[in-house]
């Protein structure tokens, strides 16, 4: 096992917000740019040696290459275990669920949310803490301060890990588990919601729905949930294959960028229910037949009816919308 220590110099502007660091793909591809930021994350996490981290992203361009770099750097920095999604895929909510389920120290999520993808698009890196949520300001400030003084990073000299199917691997002394990123999320949804009741509606001949994943991360999750577990007809999920450039589209679930779905929902013989999700799967848009539900209204419906859902039968502490 050979660990290289690479001399580097700081880059200006590597200040992460709650949504992480977002820049053009070409910026992240600059020599040492991604490595500097990842090393700054690892240097800022007190007690992370020997711990488990979750790694994955929304499938946009540079996702796979970045994951291989992160895996080798994690191994060089004495991380104990990495859980990475098959094909490098993890929606942000799924990554959060896997962090909590596995008592992971945290997770590195690769996403620029609704920003365009592809070689000329954007890329992003964010760190989520052990509760599955975004890193608080204390953590992001520590990462930023480290980016301003970093002078070296560590990386293991090793071949790439096969991300195409589940499997267990070793990188130096670090364990790597490539895992199905969909099943843990489906299992969580089954704990929270009454699938039998939902299935009785979704599979009915009297109900039609359309889910547009905008060629972003939620396609595999939506197909599993709606078409496999809840009995929706095949084809209910459209644009369901994640693409590195999101099919040339803009994975922002609004009336402008989800125009295919809008045309369906406002067209003849429109389905009863429609929805779209953003690049990393943590925002959505909901529509009915010939009408649009604003995000604040859909949240209001969810909070007003929360106690009807098994997972929230005892009430919720609150709700928030940015």
Protein backbone atom coordinates (compact mmCIF):
# COMPACT_ATOMS: atom_id res chain seq x y z
CA UNK A 1 0.00 0.00 0.00
CA UNK A 2 1.51 3.29 -1.14
CA UNK A 3 0.14 6.59 0.12
CA UNK A 4 1.25 9.66 -1.78
CA UNK A 5 1.49 13.01 -0.04
CA UNK A 6 0.96 15.68 -2.69
CA UNK A 7 2.10 19.26 -2.19
CA UNK A 8 -0.59 21.79 -3.05
CA UNK A 9 -1.59 25.43 -2.60
CA UNK A 10 -4.98 26.89 -1.59
CA UNK A 11 -7.67 27.95 -4.04
CA UNK A 12 -9.71 31.07 -3.34
CA UNK A 13 -13.47 30.79 -2.87
CA UNK A 14 -13.83 27.24 -1.55
CA UNK A 15 -16.44 28.34 0.97
CA UNK A 16 -19.22 25.76 1.35
CA UNK A 17 -22.75 26.71 2.27
CA UNK A 18 -25.40 24.37 3.67
CA UNK A 19 -25.75 23.09 0.10
CA UNK A 20 -22.00 22.58 -0.18
CA UNK A 21 -19.52 23.92 -2.70
CA UNK A 22 -20.91 24.41 -6.20
CA UNK A 23 -18.79 25.40 -9.17
CA UNK A 24 -18.52 24.67 -12.88
CA UNK A 25 -17.30 21.17 -13.71
CA UNK A 26 -14.20 22.71 -15.31
CA UNK A 27 -13.28 24.30 -11.97
CA UNK A 28 -13.51 20.99 -10.10
CA UNK A 29 -11.38 19.40 -12.84
CA UNK A 30 -8.53 21.82 -12.23
CA UNK A 31 -5.45 20.11 -10.82
CA UNK A 32 -5.82 19.58 -7.05
CA UNK A 33 -9.11 21.54 -6.78
CA UNK A 34 -11.33 18.64 -5.75
CA UNK A 35 -8.52 17.04 -3.77
CA UNK A 36 -7.92 20.23 -1.77
CA UNK A 37 -11.58 20.45 -0.79
CA UNK A 38 -11.91 16.76 0.12
CA UNK A 39 -8.72 16.89 2.23
CA UNK A 40 -10.07 20.00 3.94
CA UNK A 41 -13.27 18.11 4.81
CA UNK A 42 -11.32 15.15 6.19
CA UNK A 43 -8.94 17.41 8.13
CA UNK A 44 -11.89 19.20 9.74
CA UNK A 45 -13.71 16.10 11.00
CA UNK A 46 -12.40 15.39 14.48
CA UNK A 47 -12.59 11.70 15.30
CA UNK A 48 -13.32 10.45 11.78
CA UNK A 49 -10.42 7.96 11.68
CA UNK A 50 -11.71 4.40 11.63
CA UNK A 51 -15.28 5.61 11.10
CA UNK A 52 -17.84 4.92 8.35
CA UNK A 53 -18.65 7.48 5.67
CA UNK A 54 -21.36 7.37 2.99
CA UNK A 55 -20.43 8.57 -0.52
CA UNK A 56 -22.59 9.05 -3.61
CA UNK A 57 -24.12 11.63 -5.87
CA UNK A 58 -26.83 12.57 -8.33
CA UNK A 59 -25.12 10.95 -11.31
CA UNK A 60 -24.15 14.15 -13.07
CA UNK A 61 -21.00 14.46 -15.17
CA UNK A 62 -17.75 13.92 -13.17
CA UNK A 63 -19.63 12.02 -10.45
CA UNK A 64 -17.85 8.71 -11.05
CA UNK A 65 -14.38 10.20 -11.38
CA UNK A 66 -14.81 12.27 -8.23
CA UNK A 67 -15.96 9.22 -6.24
CA UNK A 68 -12.83 7.28 -7.19
CA UNK A 69 -10.66 10.17 -5.99
CA UNK A 70 -12.63 10.45 -2.74
CA UNK A 71 -12.36 6.71 -2.04
CA UNK A 72 -8.57 6.75 -2.44
CA UNK A 73 -8.21 9.87 -0.33
CA UNK A 74 -10.45 8.44 2.40
CA UNK A 75 -8.31 5.30 2.47
CA UNK A 76 -5.15 7.40 2.77
CA UNK A 77 -6.69 9.34 5.65
CA UNK A 78 -7.54 6.25 7.74
CA UNK A 79 -11.30 6.18 7.22
CA UNK A 80 -12.50 2.72 8.30
CA UNK A 81 -15.30 2.04 5.84
CA UNK A 82 -17.06 3.67 2.91
CA UNK A 83 -20.61 2.87 1.78
CA UNK A 84 -21.04 3.97 -1.83
CA UNK A 85 -24.13 3.67 -4.01
CA UNK A 86 -24.17 1.41 -7.05
CA UNK A 87 -23.13 3.41 -10.13
CA UNK A 88 -22.12 6.13 -7.68
CA UNK A 89 -25.78 7.03 -7.21
CA UNK A 90 -27.40 8.29 -4.01
CA UNK A 91 -30.28 10.74 -3.85
CA UNK A 92 -29.73 13.19 -1.00
CA UNK A 93 -32.66 11.77 1.06
CA UNK A 94 -31.41 8.21 0.45
CA UNK A 95 -27.88 9.14 1.53
CA UNK A 96 -29.35 10.70 4.66
CA UNK A 97 -31.27 7.51 5.41
CA UNK A 98 -28.20 5.31 4.89
CA UNK A 99 -26.08 7.55 7.15
CA UNK A 100 -28.60 7.17 9.97
CA UNK A 101 -29.31 3.46 9.44
CA UNK A 102 -25.62 2.57 9.53
CA UNK A 103 -24.64 4.98 12.31
CA UNK A 104 -22.16 6.52 9.88
CA UNK A 105 -19.95 9.41 10.94
CA UNK A 106 -21.31 11.40 7.99
CA UNK A 107 -21.48 11.47 4.22
CA UNK A 108 -20.01 13.21 1.19
CA UNK A 109 -22.75 13.90 -1.36
CA UNK A 110 -21.86 14.98 -4.88
CA UNK A 111 -24.55 17.22 -6.30
CA UNK A 112 -25.24 20.67 -7.63
CA UNK A 113 -28.97 20.15 -7.03
CA UNK A 114 -31.03 21.71 -9.84
CA UNK A 115 -28.06 23.20 -11.70
CA UNK A 116 -27.44 21.90 -15.24
CA UNK A 117 -25.08 18.94 -15.73
CA UNK A 118 -22.70 17.77 -18.43
CA UNK A 119 -19.10 18.78 -19.21
CA UNK A 120 -20.10 22.44 -19.43
CA UNK A 121 -22.49 22.23 -16.47
CA UNK A 122 -21.97 22.41 -12.73
CA UNK A 123 -20.72 20.08 -10.03
CA UNK A 124 -20.96 20.18 -6.25
CA UNK A 125 -19.70 18.58 -3.05
CA UNK A 126 -21.45 18.78 0.30
CA UNK A 127 -20.89 17.13 3.65
CA UNK A 128 -23.74 15.73 5.74
CA UNK A 129 -23.25 14.97 9.43
CA UNK A 130 -24.19 11.91 11.47
CA UNK A 131 -27.87 12.83 11.79
CA UNK A 132 -28.12 12.75 8.00
CA UNK A 133 -28.62 16.49 7.68
CA UNK A 134 -26.42 19.15 6.07
CA UNK A 135 -23.32 20.19 7.96
CA UNK A 136 -24.00 23.09 10.34
CA UNK A 137 -22.17 26.38 9.98
CA UNK A 138 -19.60 25.39 12.61
CA UNK A 139 -18.49 22.50 10.38
CA UNK A 140 -18.60 24.37 7.07
CA UNK A 141 -16.63 27.25 8.59
CA UNK A 142 -13.96 24.82 9.79
CA UNK A 143 -13.75 23.31 6.31
CA UNK A 144 -13.44 26.75 4.74
CA UNK A 145 -10.70 27.83 7.14
CA UNK A 146 -8.76 24.69 6.27
CA UNK A 147 -9.09 25.38 2.53
CA UNK A 148 -7.26 28.67 3.08
CA UNK A 149 -4.16 27.06 4.59
CA UNK A 150 -3.97 23.59 3.04
CA UNK A 151 -0.51 22.69 1.75
CA UNK A 152 -0.79 18.96 1.07
CA UNK A 153 -3.23 16.10 0.60
CA UNK A 154 -2.96 12.33 0.90
CA UNK A 155 -4.12 9.80 -1.67
CA UNK A 156 -3.72 6.04 -2.00
CA UNK A 157 -2.12 4.69 -5.16
CA UNK A 158 -4.64 2.07 -6.23
CA UNK A 159 -6.87 1.02 -9.09
CA UNK A 160 -10.48 2.14 -9.41
CA UNK A 161 -13.30 0.33 -7.63
CA UNK A 162 -16.04 -1.26 -9.77
CA UNK A 163 -19.15 0.80 -9.00
CA UNK A 164 -21.43 -0.98 -11.47
CA UNK A 165 -22.79 -3.64 -9.09
CA UNK A 166 -22.94 -4.32 -5.36
CA UNK A 167 -19.79 -5.79 -3.88
CA UNK A 168 -17.18 -5.58 -1.14
CA UNK A 169 -13.65 -4.34 -1.72
CA UNK A 170 -10.49 -3.28 0.08
CA UNK A 171 -8.60 -0.06 -0.54
CA UNK A 172 -5.52 -0.38 1.61
CA UNK A 173 -6.93 -1.07 5.06
CA UNK A 174 -10.28 0.58 4.30
CA UNK A 175 -13.40 -1.45 3.54
CA UNK A 176 -15.53 -0.33 0.60
CA UNK A 177 -19.08 -1.59 0.18
CA UNK A 178 -20.82 -0.80 -3.08
CA UNK A 179 -24.48 -1.10 -2.15
CA UNK A 180 -27.91 -0.86 -3.70
CA UNK A 181 -28.88 2.72 -2.99
CA UNK A 182 -32.60 2.20 -3.70
CA UNK A 183 -33.61 -0.60 -1.31
CA UNK A 184 -32.71 1.15 1.98
CA UNK A 185 -34.80 4.14 0.90
CA UNK A 186 -37.75 1.97 -0.12
CA UNK A 187 -37.55 0.20 3.25
CA UNK A 188 -37.68 3.54 5.05
CA UNK A 189 -40.69 4.64 3.00
CA UNK A 190 -42.45 1.39 3.93
CA UNK A 191 -41.89 2.19 7.61
CA UNK A 192 -43.24 5.72 7.25
CA UNK A 193 -46.22 5.22 4.91
CA UNK A 194 -49.06 2.73 4.57
CA UNK A 195 -48.12 1.06 1.28
CA UNK A 196 -51.25 -1.09 1.20
CA UNK A 197 -53.54 1.94 1.25
CA UNK A 198 -51.44 3.83 -1.29
CA UNK A 199 -51.27 0.79 -3.55
CA UNK A 200 -55.04 0.39 -3.50
CA UNK A 201 -55.31 3.85 -5.03
CA UNK A 202 -52.25 3.93 -7.29
CA UNK A 203 -53.01 0.54 -8.88
CA UNK A 204 -56.70 1.33 -9.38
CA UNK A 205 -58.12 1.72 -12.87
CA UNK A 206 -59.74 4.93 -11.61
CA UNK A 207 -56.43 6.65 -10.85
CA UNK A 208 -53.63 7.77 -13.16
CA UNK A 209 -50.40 9.50 -12.24
CA UNK A 210 -47.22 10.72 -13.92
CA UNK A 211 -43.84 11.12 -12.25
CA UNK A 212 -41.10 13.04 -14.10
CA UNK A 213 -37.59 12.43 -12.74
CA UNK A 214 -36.04 14.80 -15.32
CA UNK A 215 -33.27 12.26 -16.09
CA UNK A 216 -31.89 12.98 -12.62
CA UNK A 217 -31.27 10.84 -9.56
CA UNK A 218 -34.83 9.89 -8.56
CA UNK A 219 -35.59 7.75 -11.61
CA UNK A 220 -34.53 4.41 -10.05
CA UNK A 221 -36.23 5.29 -6.76
CA UNK A 222 -39.47 6.34 -8.43
CA UNK A 223 -39.62 3.24 -10.64
CA UNK A 224 -39.06 0.98 -7.62
CA UNK A 225 -41.59 2.77 -5.43
CA UNK A 226 -44.40 3.47 -7.87
CA UNK A 227 -44.11 0.83 -10.59
CA UNK A 228 -42.83 -2.12 -8.55
CA UNK A 229 -44.10 -1.71 -4.99
CA UNK A 230 -47.23 0.43 -5.44
CA UNK A 231 -48.60 -1.09 -8.62
CA UNK A 232 -48.53 1.91 -10.95
CA UNK A 233 -48.51 1.05 -14.62
CA UNK A 234 -45.18 0.68 -16.38
CA UNK A 235 -44.29 4.02 -17.93
CA UNK A 236 -45.75 6.02 -15.04
CA UNK A 237 -42.22 7.30 -14.42
CA UNK A 238 -40.91 9.31 -17.35
CA UNK A 239 -37.35 10.51 -17.96
CA UNK A 240 -36.41 7.92 -15.34
CA UNK A 241 -32.87 7.04 -16.44
CA UNK A 242 -30.22 9.23 -14.74
CA UNK A 243 -27.99 10.85 -17.34
CA UNK A 244 -24.75 12.75 -16.82
CA UNK A 245 -26.19 15.80 -18.58
CA UNK A 246 -29.82 15.23 -17.47
CA UNK A 247 -30.72 14.68 -21.10
CA UNK A 248 -29.70 18.24 -21.89
CA UNK A 249 -32.40 19.52 -19.57
CA UNK A 250 -32.42 21.49 -16.37
CA UNK A 251 -33.37 19.32 -13.35
CA UNK A 252 -35.35 22.04 -11.62
CA UNK A 253 -38.94 20.95 -10.88
CA UNK A 254 -40.87 24.03 -11.91
CA UNK A 255 -43.35 25.00 -14.60
CA UNK A 256 -40.60 26.11 -16.97
CA UNK A 257 -38.08 23.27 -16.83
CA UNK A 258 -40.53 20.41 -16.22
CA UNK A 259 -42.46 21.44 -19.33
CA UNK A 260 -43.02 17.85 -20.53
CA UNK A 261 -44.92 17.07 -17.33
CA UNK A 262 -46.82 20.37 -17.44
CA UNK A 263 -48.03 19.65 -20.97
CA UNK A 264 -49.28 16.24 -19.85
CA UNK A 265 -51.04 17.56 -16.74
CA UNK A 266 -52.67 20.43 -18.63
CA UNK A 267 -53.47 18.38 -21.73
CA UNK A 268 -56.39 16.25 -22.80
CA UNK A 269 -57.08 13.19 -20.64
CA UNK A 270 -54.64 14.43 -18.03
CA UNK A 271 -53.65 12.09 -15.18
CA UNK A 272 -55.06 12.73 -11.70
CA UNK A 273 -51.68 13.41 -10.12
CA UNK A 274 -48.28 14.56 -11.35
CA UNK A 275 -44.94 15.24 -9.73
CA UNK A 276 -41.36 16.09 -10.62
CA UNK A 277 -38.16 16.15 -8.58
CA UNK A 278 -34.88 18.02 -8.77
CA UNK A 279 -31.36 16.81 -9.55
CA UNK A 280 -30.56 15.21 -6.20
CA UNK A 281 -34.11 14.36 -5.16
CA UNK A 282 -34.71 16.62 -2.16
CA UNK A 283 -37.23 19.00 -3.77
CA UNK A 284 -40.38 18.36 -5.74
CA UNK A 285 -43.23 19.90 -7.66
CA UNK A 286 -46.79 18.60 -7.42
CA UNK A 287 -49.56 19.08 -9.98
CA UNK A 288 -53.16 18.02 -10.37
CA UNK A 289 -55.30 17.73 -13.46
CA UNK A 290 -55.11 21.22 -14.98
CA UNK A 291 -53.72 22.86 -11.86
CA UNK A 292 -50.39 23.49 -10.15
CA UNK A 293 -49.75 23.19 -6.41
CA UNK A 294 -47.27 25.71 -5.00
CA UNK A 295 -44.54 24.17 -2.81
CA UNK A 296 -45.82 25.97 0.27
CA UNK A 297 -49.32 24.57 -0.30
CA UNK A 298 -48.09 21.01 -0.78
CA UNK A 299 -46.13 21.34 2.46
CA UNK A 300 -49.25 22.66 4.18
CA UNK A 301 -51.22 19.61 3.05
CA UNK A 302 -48.48 17.29 4.30
CA UNK A 303 -48.27 18.93 7.71
CA UNK A 304 -52.06 19.15 8.11
CA UNK A 305 -52.45 15.43 7.37
CA UNK A 306 -49.19 14.20 8.92
CA UNK A 307 -50.82 12.17 11.70
CA UNK A 308 -52.60 9.98 9.10
CA UNK A 309 -49.18 8.62 8.13
CA UNK A 310 -47.90 5.74 10.29
CA UNK A 311 -44.45 7.27 10.66
CA UNK A 312 -45.91 10.50 12.06
CA UNK A 313 -48.98 9.22 13.89
CA UNK A 314 -47.76 10.89 17.08
CA UNK A 315 -47.34 14.27 15.39
CA UNK A 316 -44.45 16.21 13.95
CA UNK A 317 -42.16 18.72 15.63
CA UNK A 318 -42.50 21.21 12.79
CA UNK A 319 -42.07 21.90 9.11
CA UNK A 320 -39.86 24.21 7.09
CA UNK A 321 -39.53 25.45 3.55
CA UNK A 322 -36.58 27.49 2.31
